[in-house]
Amino acid sequence: LTEHSVEELNGMRKTITGILAVMGALLLLYVGYYGY
C-alpha cells in the first residue's frame, strides 16, 4: 500500500466499500428471508 498514490488508495477504498455494501445487502436479505 505504501507504493500506491493517495488517489489510487481512495479509488481502492471506494471500490471495496461498494463491494461490501452489495454483500451487506445480500446478507441482510438472506437473514431476513430465513427469519421470515
Full PDB file with SEQRES, HELIX, SHEET, SSBOND, CRYST1, ORIGX, SCALE, CONECT and MASTER records, all heavy atoms in Angstrom:
SEQRES   1 A   36  LEU THR GLU HIS SER VAL GLU GLU LEU ASN GLY MET ARG          
SEQRES   2 A   36  LYS THR ILE THR GLY ILE LEU ALA VAL MET GLY ALA LEU          
SEQRES   3 A   36  LEU LEU LEU TYR VAL GLY TYR TYR GLY TYR                      
HELIX    1 AA1 VAL A    6  GLY A   35  1                                  30    
CRYST1    1.000    1.000    1.000  90.00  90.00  90.00 P 1           1          
ORIGX1      1.000000  0.000000  0.000000        0.00000                         
ORIGX2      0.000000  1.000000  0.000000        0.00000                         
ORIGX3      0.000000  0.000000  1.000000        0.00000                         
SCALE1      1.000000  0.000000  0.000000        0.00000                         
SCALE2      0.000000  1.000000  0.000000        0.00000                         
SCALE3      0.000000  0.000000  1.000000        0.00000                         
ATOM      1  N   LEU A   1       0.810  -1.220   0.000  1.00  0.00           N  
ATOM      2  CA  LEU A   1       0.000   0.000   0.000  1.00  0.00           C  
ATOM      3  C   LEU A   1       0.840   1.265   0.000  1.00  0.00           C  
ATOM      4  O   LEU A   1       0.403   2.303  -0.494  1.00  0.00           O  
ATOM      5  CB  LEU A   1      -0.941  -0.004   1.202  1.00  0.00           C  
ATOM      6  CG  LEU A   1      -2.050  -1.049   1.177  1.00  0.00           C  
ATOM      7  CD1 LEU A   1      -2.863  -0.981   2.460  1.00  0.00           C  
ATOM      8  CD2 LEU A   1      -2.946  -0.868  -0.022  1.00  0.00           C  
ATOM      9  N   THR A   2       2.036   1.188   0.533  1.00  0.00           N  
ATOM     10  CA  THR A   2       2.893   2.377   0.596  1.00  0.00           C  
ATOM     11  C   THR A   2       3.350   2.829  -0.785  1.00  0.00           C  
ATOM     12  O   THR A   2       3.766   3.975  -0.945  1.00  0.00           O  
ATOM     13  CB  THR A   2       4.129   2.097   1.474  1.00  0.00           C  
ATOM     14  OG1 THR A   2       4.791   0.943   0.972  1.00  0.00           O  
ATOM     15  CG2 THR A   2       3.727   1.884   2.917  1.00  0.00           C  
ATOM     16  N   GLU A   3       3.271   1.956  -1.787  1.00  0.00           N  
ATOM     17  CA  GLU A   3       3.706   2.319  -3.142  1.00  0.00           C  
ATOM     18  C   GLU A   3       2.571   2.859  -4.007  1.00  0.00           C  
ATOM     19  O   GLU A   3       2.791   3.244  -5.146  1.00  0.00           O  
ATOM     20  CB  GLU A   3       4.349   1.108  -3.819  1.00  0.00           C  
ATOM     21  CG  GLU A   3       5.646   0.686  -3.166  1.00  0.00           C  
ATOM     22  CD  GLU A   3       6.303  -0.469  -3.888  1.00  0.00           C  
ATOM     23  OE1 GLU A   3       5.910  -0.759  -5.035  1.00  0.00           O  
ATOM     24  OE2 GLU A   3       7.214  -1.067  -3.303  1.00  0.00           O  
ATOM     25  N   HIS A   4       1.354   2.895  -3.478  1.00  0.00           N  
ATOM     26  CA  HIS A   4       0.219   3.444  -4.217  1.00  0.00           C  
ATOM     27  C   HIS A   4       0.057   4.920  -3.885  1.00  0.00           C  
ATOM     28  O   HIS A   4       0.356   5.356  -2.773  1.00  0.00           O  
ATOM     29  CB  HIS A   4      -1.077   2.718  -3.845  1.00  0.00           C  
ATOM     30  CG  HIS A   4      -1.155   1.323  -4.371  1.00  0.00           C  
ATOM     31  ND1 HIS A   4      -1.473   1.033  -5.669  1.00  0.00           N  
ATOM     32  CD2 HIS A   4      -0.959   0.125  -3.758  1.00  0.00           C  
ATOM     33  CE1 HIS A   4      -1.479  -0.267  -5.841  1.00  0.00           C  
ATOM     34  NE2 HIS A   4      -1.162  -0.854  -4.696  1.00  0.00           N  
ATOM     35  N   SER A   5      -0.442   5.690  -4.856  1.00  0.00           N  
ATOM     36  CA  SER A   5      -0.715   7.097  -4.589  1.00  0.00           C  
ATOM     37  C   SER A   5      -1.990   7.215  -3.759  1.00  0.00           C  
ATOM     38  O   SER A   5      -2.773   6.271  -3.642  1.00  0.00           O  
ATOM     39  CB  SER A   5      -0.868   7.860  -5.909  1.00  0.00           C  
ATOM     40  OG  SER A   5      -2.047   7.458  -6.565  1.00  0.00           O  
ATOM     41  N   VAL A   6      -2.217   8.401  -3.200  1.00  0.00           N  
ATOM     42  CA  VAL A   6      -3.416   8.635  -2.392  1.00  0.00           C  
ATOM     43  C   VAL A   6      -4.672   8.501  -3.261  1.00  0.00           C  
ATOM     44  O   VAL A   6      -5.690   7.970  -2.805  1.00  0.00           O  
ATOM     45  CB  VAL A   6      -3.350  10.026  -1.715  1.00  0.00           C  
ATOM     46  CG1 VAL A   6      -4.635  10.329  -0.972  1.00  0.00           C  
ATOM     47  CG2 VAL A   6      -2.165  10.108  -0.779  1.00  0.00           C  
ATOM     48  N   GLU A   7      -4.586   8.943  -4.516  1.00  0.00           N  
ATOM     49  CA  GLU A   7      -5.729   8.814  -5.414  1.00  0.00           C  
ATOM     50  C   GLU A   7      -6.055   7.346  -5.666  1.00  0.00           C  
ATOM     51  O   GLU A   7      -7.220   6.950  -5.693  1.00  0.00           O  
ATOM     52  CB  GLU A   7      -5.450   9.530  -6.743  1.00  0.00           C  
ATOM     53  CG  GLU A   7      -5.377  11.032  -6.638  1.00  0.00           C  
ATOM     54  CD  GLU A   7      -4.023  11.532  -6.131  1.00  0.00           C  
ATOM     55  OE1 GLU A   7      -3.035  10.760  -6.189  1.00  0.00           O  
ATOM     56  OE2 GLU A   7      -3.961  12.664  -5.644  1.00  0.00           O  
ATOM     57  N   GLU A   8      -5.023   6.521  -5.859  1.00  0.00           N  
ATOM     58  CA  GLU A   8      -5.248   5.088  -6.048  1.00  0.00           C  
ATOM     59  C   GLU A   8      -5.846   4.459  -4.798  1.00  0.00           C  
ATOM     60  O   GLU A   8      -6.745   3.624  -4.881  1.00  0.00           O  
ATOM     61  CB  GLU A   8      -3.934   4.376  -6.401  1.00  0.00           C  
ATOM     62  CG  GLU A   8      -3.403   4.683  -7.783  1.00  0.00           C  
ATOM     63  CD  GLU A   8      -2.047   4.058  -8.018  1.00  0.00           C  
ATOM     64  OE1 GLU A   8      -1.254   3.916  -7.065  1.00  0.00           O  
ATOM     65  OE2 GLU A   8      -1.785   3.705  -9.187  1.00  0.00           O  
ATOM     66  N   LEU A   9      -5.351   4.867  -3.637  1.00  0.00           N  
ATOM     67  CA  LEU A   9      -5.877   4.330  -2.388  1.00  0.00           C  
ATOM     68  C   LEU A   9      -7.338   4.712  -2.196  1.00  0.00           C  
ATOM     69  O   LEU A   9      -8.151   3.895  -1.762  1.00  0.00           O  
ATOM     70  CB  LEU A   9      -5.043   4.821  -1.204  1.00  0.00           C  
ATOM     71  CG  LEU A   9      -3.638   4.238  -1.075  1.00  0.00           C  
ATOM     72  CD1 LEU A   9      -2.869   4.949   0.030  1.00  0.00           C  
ATOM     73  CD2 LEU A   9      -3.688   2.751  -0.826  1.00  0.00           C  
ATOM     74  N   ASN A  10      -7.678   5.947  -2.528  1.00  0.00           N  
ATOM     75  CA  ASN A  10      -9.072   6.382  -2.417  1.00  0.00           C  
ATOM     76  C   ASN A  10      -9.956   5.605  -3.384  1.00  0.00           C  
ATOM     77  O   ASN A  10     -11.083   5.248  -3.054  1.00  0.00           O  
ATOM     78  CB  ASN A  10      -9.202   7.879  -2.656  1.00  0.00           C  
ATOM     79  CG  ASN A  10      -8.881   8.680  -1.422  1.00  0.00           C  
ATOM     80  OD1 ASN A  10      -9.204   8.277  -0.313  1.00  0.00           O  
ATOM     81  ND2 ASN A  10      -8.238   9.819  -1.610  1.00  0.00           N  
ATOM     82  N   GLY A  11      -9.454   5.334  -4.588  1.00  0.00           N  
ATOM     83  CA  GLY A  11     -10.202   4.522  -5.549  1.00  0.00           C  
ATOM     84  C   GLY A  11     -10.410   3.105  -5.046  1.00  0.00           C  
ATOM     85  O   GLY A  11     -11.504   2.543  -5.170  1.00  0.00           O  
ATOM     86  N   MET A  12      -9.366   2.533  -4.471  1.00  0.00           N  
ATOM     87  CA  MET A  12      -9.477   1.193  -3.903  1.00  0.00           C  
ATOM     88  C   MET A  12     -10.474   1.179  -2.744  1.00  0.00           C  
ATOM     89  O   MET A  12     -11.267   0.250  -2.613  1.00  0.00           O  
ATOM     90  CB  MET A  12      -8.098   0.700  -3.449  1.00  0.00           C  
ATOM     91  CG  MET A  12      -7.160   0.417  -4.597  1.00  0.00           C  
ATOM     92  SD  MET A  12      -5.400   0.215  -4.197  1.00  0.00           S  
ATOM     93  CE  MET A  12      -5.366  -0.790  -2.787  1.00  0.00           C  
ATOM     94  N   ARG A  13     -10.438   2.222  -1.924  1.00  0.00           N  
ATOM     95  CA  ARG A  13     -11.350   2.319  -0.785  1.00  0.00           C  
ATOM     96  C   ARG A  13     -12.797   2.381  -1.262  1.00  0.00           C  
ATOM     97  O   ARG A  13     -13.672   1.680  -0.738  1.00  0.00           O  
ATOM     98  CB  ARG A  13     -11.021   3.555   0.053  1.00  0.00           C  
ATOM     99  CG  ARG A  13     -11.913   3.732   1.269  1.00  0.00           C  
ATOM    100  CD  ARG A  13     -11.631   5.028   2.000  1.00  0.00           C  
ATOM    101  NE  ARG A  13     -11.705   6.215   1.165  1.00  0.00           N  
ATOM    102  CZ  ARG A  13     -12.838   6.851   0.841  1.00  0.00           C  
ATOM    103  NH1 ARG A  13     -13.988   6.420   1.284  1.00  0.00           N  
ATOM    104  NH2 ARG A  13     -12.813   7.920   0.080  1.00  0.00           N  
ATOM    105  N   LYS A  14     -13.063   3.190  -2.281  1.00  0.00           N  
ATOM    106  CA  LYS A  14     -14.424   3.310  -2.807  1.00  0.00           C  
ATOM    107  C   LYS A  14     -14.899   1.996  -3.425  1.00  0.00           C  
ATOM    108  O   LYS A  14     -16.064   1.606  -3.247  1.00  0.00           O  
ATOM    109  CB  LYS A  14     -14.492   4.429  -3.846  1.00  0.00           C  
ATOM    110  CG  LYS A  14     -14.390   5.815  -3.247  1.00  0.00           C  
ATOM    111  CD  LYS A  14     -14.420   6.870  -4.325  1.00  0.00           C  
ATOM    112  CE  LYS A  14     -14.244   8.257  -3.730  1.00  0.00           C  
ATOM    113  NZ  LYS A  14     -14.204   9.287  -4.784  1.00  0.00           N  
ATOM    114  N   THR A  15     -14.023   1.317  -4.122  1.00  0.00           N  
ATOM    115  CA  THR A  15     -14.385   0.044  -4.746  1.00  0.00           C  
ATOM    116  C   THR A  15     -14.735  -1.000  -3.699  1.00  0.00           C  
ATOM    117  O   THR A  15     -15.775  -1.673  -3.792  1.00  0.00           O  
ATOM    118  CB  THR A  15     -13.227  -0.466  -5.627  1.00  0.00           C  
ATOM    119  OG1 THR A  15     -12.945   0.501  -6.638  1.00  0.00           O  
ATOM    120  CG2 THR A  15     -13.570  -1.797  -6.269  1.00  0.00           C  
ATOM    121  N   ILE A  16     -13.885  -1.137  -2.693  1.00  0.00           N  
ATOM    122  CA  ILE A  16     -14.131  -2.132  -1.644  1.00  0.00           C  
ATOM    123  C   ILE A  16     -15.382  -1.769  -0.844  1.00  0.00           C  
ATOM    124  O   ILE A  16     -16.162  -2.647  -0.467  1.00  0.00           O  
ATOM    125  CB  ILE A  16     -12.896  -2.289  -0.739  1.00  0.00           C  
ATOM    126  CG1 ILE A  16     -11.749  -2.905  -1.538  1.00  0.00           C  
ATOM    127  CG2 ILE A  16     -13.210  -3.148   0.471  1.00  0.00           C  
ATOM    128  CD1 ILE A  16     -10.447  -2.998  -0.781  1.00  0.00           C  
ATOM    129  N   THR A  17     -15.604  -0.484  -0.607  1.00  0.00           N  
ATOM    130  CA  THR A  17     -16.802  -0.056   0.103  1.00  0.00           C  
ATOM    131  C   THR A  17     -18.056  -0.424  -0.685  1.00  0.00           C  
ATOM    132  O   THR A  17     -19.046  -0.890  -0.118  1.00  0.00           O  
ATOM    133  CB  THR A  17     -16.758   1.458   0.374  1.00  0.00           C  
ATOM    134  OG1 THR A  17     -15.579   1.756   1.130  1.00  0.00           O  
ATOM    135  CG2 THR A  17     -17.970   1.924   1.150  1.00  0.00           C  
ATOM    136  N   GLY A  18     -18.021  -0.241  -1.996  1.00  0.00           N  
ATOM    137  CA  GLY A  18     -19.159  -0.625  -2.838  1.00  0.00           C  
ATOM    138  C   GLY A  18     -19.412  -2.123  -2.822  1.00  0.00           C  
ATOM    139  O   GLY A  18     -20.558  -2.577  -2.733  1.00  0.00           O  
ATOM    140  N   ILE A  19     -18.339  -2.897  -2.901  1.00  0.00           N  
ATOM    141  CA  ILE A  19     -18.461  -4.350  -2.850  1.00  0.00           C  
ATOM    142  C   ILE A  19     -19.057  -4.787  -1.518  1.00  0.00           C  
ATOM    143  O   ILE A  19     -19.958  -5.626  -1.462  1.00  0.00           O  
ATOM    144  CB  ILE A  19     -17.090  -5.017  -3.088  1.00  0.00           C  
ATOM    145  CG1 ILE A  19     -16.647  -4.804  -4.535  1.00  0.00           C  
ATOM    146  CG2 ILE A  19     -17.128  -6.499  -2.744  1.00  0.00           C  
ATOM    147  CD1 ILE A  19     -15.208  -5.179  -4.807  1.00  0.00           C  
ATOM    148  N   LEU A  20     -18.576  -4.195  -0.436  1.00  0.00           N  
ATOM    149  CA  LEU A  20     -19.085  -4.545   0.894  1.00  0.00           C  
ATOM    150  C   LEU A  20     -20.544  -4.120   1.067  1.00  0.00           C  
ATOM    151  O   LEU A  20     -21.306  -4.790   1.769  1.00  0.00           O  
ATOM    152  CB  LEU A  20     -18.208  -3.942   1.980  1.00  0.00           C  
ATOM    153  CG  LEU A  20     -16.848  -4.616   2.160  1.00  0.00           C  
ATOM    154  CD1 LEU A  20     -15.972  -3.813   3.107  1.00  0.00           C  
ATOM    155  CD2 LEU A  20     -17.014  -6.036   2.652  1.00  0.00           C  
ATOM    156  N   ALA A  21     -20.944  -3.024   0.437  1.00  0.00           N  
ATOM    157  CA  ALA A  21     -22.341  -2.590   0.526  1.00  0.00           C  
ATOM    158  C   ALA A  21     -23.258  -3.599  -0.151  1.00  0.00           C  
ATOM    159  O   ALA A  21     -24.321  -3.956   0.386  1.00  0.00           O  
ATOM    160  CB  ALA A  21     -22.504  -1.211  -0.104  1.00  0.00           C  
ATOM    161  N   VAL A  22     -22.857  -4.086  -1.312  1.00  0.00           N  
ATOM    162  CA  VAL A  22     -23.657  -5.088  -2.022  1.00  0.00           C  
ATOM    163  C   VAL A  22     -23.711  -6.385  -1.217  1.00  0.00           C  
ATOM    164  O   VAL A  22     -24.776  -6.988  -1.053  1.00  0.00           O  
ATOM    165  CB  VAL A  22     -23.081  -5.344  -3.438  1.00  0.00           C  
ATOM    166  CG1 VAL A  22     -23.724  -6.553  -4.086  1.00  0.00           C  
ATOM    167  CG2 VAL A  22     -23.250  -4.115  -4.303  1.00  0.00           C  
ATOM    168  N   MET A  23     -22.564  -6.802  -0.686  1.00  0.00           N  
ATOM    169  CA  MET A  23     -22.524  -8.032   0.106  1.00  0.00           C  
ATOM    170  C   MET A  23     -23.342  -7.887   1.384  1.00  0.00           C  
ATOM    171  O   MET A  23     -24.022  -8.830   1.802  1.00  0.00           O  
ATOM    172  CB  MET A  23     -21.081  -8.408   0.415  1.00  0.00           C  
ATOM    173  CG  MET A  23     -20.319  -8.832  -0.818  1.00  0.00           C  
ATOM    174  SD  MET A  23     -18.573  -9.075  -0.532  1.00  0.00           S  
ATOM    175  CE  MET A  23     -18.595 -10.482   0.518  1.00  0.00           C  
ATOM    176  N   GLY A  24     -23.307  -6.720   1.995  1.00  0.00           N  
ATOM    177  CA  GLY A  24     -24.108  -6.482   3.193  1.00  0.00           C  
ATOM    178  C   GLY A  24     -25.596  -6.529   2.897  1.00  0.00           C  
ATOM    179  O   GLY A  24     -26.377  -7.075   3.679  1.00  0.00           O  
ATOM    180  N   ALA A  25     -25.993  -5.969   1.748  1.00  0.00           N  
ATOM    181  CA  ALA A  25     -27.404  -6.008   1.364  1.00  0.00           C  
ATOM    182  C   ALA A  25     -27.853  -7.451   1.123  1.00  0.00           C  
ATOM    183  O   ALA A  25     -28.939  -7.852   1.546  1.00  0.00           O  
ATOM    184  CB  ALA A  25     -27.632  -5.162   0.115  1.00  0.00           C  
ATOM    185  N   LEU A  26     -27.010  -8.219   0.443  1.00  0.00           N  
ATOM    186  CA  LEU A  26     -27.340  -9.633   0.222  1.00  0.00           C  
ATOM    187  C   LEU A  26     -27.449 -10.386   1.542  1.00  0.00           C  
ATOM    188  O   LEU A  26     -28.347 -11.211   1.727  1.00  0.00           O  
ATOM    189  CB  LEU A  26     -26.286 -10.290  -0.666  1.00  0.00           C  
ATOM    190  CG  LEU A  26     -26.313  -9.906  -2.137  1.00  0.00           C  
ATOM    191  CD1 LEU A  26     -25.109 -10.499  -2.859  1.00  0.00           C  
ATOM    192  CD2 LEU A  26     -27.596 -10.371  -2.783  1.00  0.00           C  
ATOM    193  N   LEU A  27     -26.550 -10.089   2.455  1.00  0.00           N  
ATOM    194  CA  LEU A  27     -26.572 -10.754   3.759  1.00  0.00           C  
ATOM    195  C   LEU A  27     -27.849 -10.407   4.522  1.00  0.00           C  
ATOM    196  O   LEU A  27     -28.481 -11.283   5.113  1.00  0.00           O  
ATOM    197  CB  LEU A  27     -25.331 -10.361   4.567  1.00  0.00           C  
ATOM    198  CG  LEU A  27     -25.081 -11.116   5.854  1.00  0.00           C  
ATOM    199  CD1 LEU A  27     -24.890 -12.595   5.588  1.00  0.00           C  
ATOM    200  CD2 LEU A  27     -23.854 -10.560   6.544  1.00  0.00           C  
ATOM    201  N   LEU A  28     -28.239  -9.148   4.485  1.00  0.00           N  
ATOM    202  CA  LEU A  28     -29.486  -8.744   5.146  1.00  0.00           C  
ATOM    203  C   LEU A  28     -30.708  -9.410   4.517  1.00  0.00           C  
ATOM    204  O   LEU A  28     -31.631  -9.821   5.228  1.00  0.00           O  
ATOM    205  CB  LEU A  28     -29.639  -7.227   5.112  1.00  0.00           C  
ATOM    206  CG  LEU A  28     -28.749  -6.441   6.071  1.00  0.00           C  
ATOM    207  CD1 LEU A  28     -28.924  -4.946   5.834  1.00  0.00           C  
ATOM    208  CD2 LEU A  28     -29.078  -6.793   7.503  1.00  0.00           C  
ATOM    209  N   LEU A  29     -30.718  -9.518   3.190  1.00  0.00           N  
ATOM    210  CA  LEU A  29     -31.828 -10.194   2.526  1.00  0.00           C  
ATOM    211  C   LEU A  29     -31.888 -11.671   2.923  1.00  0.00           C  
ATOM    212  O   LEU A  29     -32.971 -12.204   3.181  1.00  0.00           O  
ATOM    213  CB  LEU A  29     -31.697 -10.059   1.013  1.00  0.00           C  
ATOM    214  CG  LEU A  29     -32.004  -8.682   0.440  1.00  0.00           C  
ATOM    215  CD1 LEU A  29     -31.643  -8.619  -1.033  1.00  0.00           C  
ATOM    216  CD2 LEU A  29     -33.472  -8.355   0.643  1.00  0.00           C  
ATOM    217  N   TYR A  30     -30.732 -12.321   2.946  1.00  0.00           N  
ATOM    218  CA  TYR A  30     -30.676 -13.726   3.364  1.00  0.00           C  
ATOM    219  C   TYR A  30     -31.213 -13.892   4.782  1.00  0.00           C  
ATOM    220  O   TYR A  30     -32.063 -14.743   5.043  1.00  0.00           O  
ATOM    221  CB  TYR A  30     -29.234 -14.228   3.337  1.00  0.00           C  
ATOM    222  CG  TYR A  30     -28.886 -15.111   2.164  1.00  0.00           C  
ATOM    223  CD1 TYR A  30     -27.869 -14.746   1.284  1.00  0.00           C  
ATOM    224  CD2 TYR A  30     -29.519 -16.324   1.958  1.00  0.00           C  
ATOM    225  CE1 TYR A  30     -27.521 -15.560   0.226  1.00  0.00           C  
ATOM    226  CE2 TYR A  30     -29.174 -17.139   0.913  1.00  0.00           C  
ATOM    227  CZ  TYR A  30     -28.176 -16.756   0.045  1.00  0.00           C  
ATOM    228  OH  TYR A  30     -27.830 -17.561  -0.989  1.00  0.00           O  
ATOM    229  N   VAL A  31     -30.690 -13.092   5.699  1.00  0.00           N  
ATOM    230  CA  VAL A  31     -31.103 -13.205   7.106  1.00  0.00           C  
ATOM    231  C   VAL A  31     -32.587 -12.872   7.253  1.00  0.00           C  
ATOM    232  O   VAL A  31     -33.313 -13.550   7.995  1.00  0.00           O  
ATOM    233  CB  VAL A  31     -30.223 -12.303   8.002  1.00  0.00           C  
ATOM    234  CG1 VAL A  31     -30.780 -12.200   9.405  1.00  0.00           C  
ATOM    235  CG2 VAL A  31     -28.795 -12.832   8.022  1.00  0.00           C  
ATOM    236  N   GLY A  32     -33.057 -11.864   6.546  1.00  0.00           N  
ATOM    237  CA  GLY A  32     -34.476 -11.521   6.597  1.00  0.00           C  
ATOM    238  C   GLY A  32     -35.352 -12.644   6.077  1.00  0.00           C  
ATOM    239  O   GLY A  32     -36.396 -12.966   6.671  1.00  0.00           O  
ATOM    240  N   TYR A  33     -34.946 -13.266   4.987  1.00  0.00           N  
ATOM    241  CA  TYR A  33     -35.719 -14.363   4.429  1.00  0.00           C  
ATOM    242  C   TYR A  33     -35.773 -15.535   5.405  1.00  0.00           C  
ATOM    243  O   TYR A  33     -36.848 -16.089   5.656  1.00  0.00           O  
ATOM    244  CB  TYR A  33     -35.131 -14.820   3.093  1.00  0.00           C  
ATOM    245  CG  TYR A  33     -35.759 -16.097   2.584  1.00  0.00           C  
ATOM    246  CD1 TYR A  33     -37.050 -16.084   2.060  1.00  0.00           C  
ATOM    247  CD2 TYR A  33     -35.084 -17.305   2.645  1.00  0.00           C  
ATOM    248  CE1 TYR A  33     -37.643 -17.252   1.598  1.00  0.00           C  
ATOM    249  CE2 TYR A  33     -35.670 -18.476   2.193  1.00  0.00           C  
ATOM    250  CZ  TYR A  33     -36.947 -18.442   1.665  1.00  0.00           C  
ATOM    251  OH  TYR A  33     -37.526 -19.595   1.224  1.00  0.00           O  
ATOM    252  N   TYR A  34     -34.637 -15.908   5.946  1.00  0.00           N  
ATOM    253  CA  TYR A  34     -34.626 -17.047   6.865  1.00  0.00           C  
ATOM    254  C   TYR A  34     -35.319 -16.717   8.185  1.00  0.00           C  
ATOM    255  O   TYR A  34     -35.913 -17.595   8.806  1.00  0.00           O  
ATOM    256  CB  TYR A  34     -33.219 -17.576   7.072  1.00  0.00           C  
ATOM    257  CG  TYR A  34     -32.769 -18.368   5.872  1.00  0.00           C  
ATOM    258  CD1 TYR A  34     -31.767 -17.905   5.044  1.00  0.00           C  
ATOM    259  CD2 TYR A  34     -33.388 -19.561   5.549  1.00  0.00           C  
ATOM    260  CE1 TYR A  34     -31.376 -18.623   3.926  1.00  0.00           C  
ATOM    261  CE2 TYR A  34     -33.015 -20.282   4.441  1.00  0.00           C  
ATOM    262  CZ  TYR A  34     -32.007 -19.812   3.626  1.00  0.00           C  
ATOM    263  OH  TYR A  34     -31.647 -20.519   2.522  1.00  0.00           O  
ATOM    264  N   GLY A  35     -35.282 -15.473   8.592  1.00  0.00           N  
ATOM    265  CA  GLY A  35     -36.059 -15.064   9.757  1.00  0.00           C  
ATOM    266  C   GLY A  35     -37.551 -15.198   9.501  1.00  0.00           C  
ATOM    267  O   GLY A  35     -38.307 -15.670  10.351  1.00  0.00           O  
ATOM    268  N   TYR A  36     -37.966 -14.803   8.293  1.00  0.00           N  
ATOM    269  CA  TYR A  36     -39.373 -14.936   7.911  1.00  0.00           C  
ATOM    270  C   TYR A  36     -39.790 -16.403   7.869  1.00  0.00           C  
ATOM    271  O   TYR A  36     -40.869 -16.772   8.351  1.00  0.00           O  
ATOM    272  CB  TYR A  36     -39.598 -14.270   6.548  1.00  0.00           C  
ATOM    273  CG  TYR A  36     -40.955 -14.548   5.955  1.00  0.00           C  
ATOM    274  CD1 TYR A  36     -42.085 -13.884   6.425  1.00  0.00           C  
ATOM    275  CD2 TYR A  36     -41.113 -15.477   4.935  1.00  0.00           C  
ATOM    276  CE1 TYR A  36     -43.339 -14.140   5.893  1.00  0.00           C  
ATOM    277  CE2 TYR A  36     -42.357 -15.740   4.403  1.00  0.00           C  
ATOM    278  CZ  TYR A  36     -43.467 -15.074   4.879  1.00  0.00           C  
ATOM    279  OH  TYR A  36     -44.698 -15.327   4.359  1.00  0.00           O  
TER     280      TYR A  36                                                      
MASTER        0    0    0    1    0    0    0    6  279    1    0    3          
END                                                                             
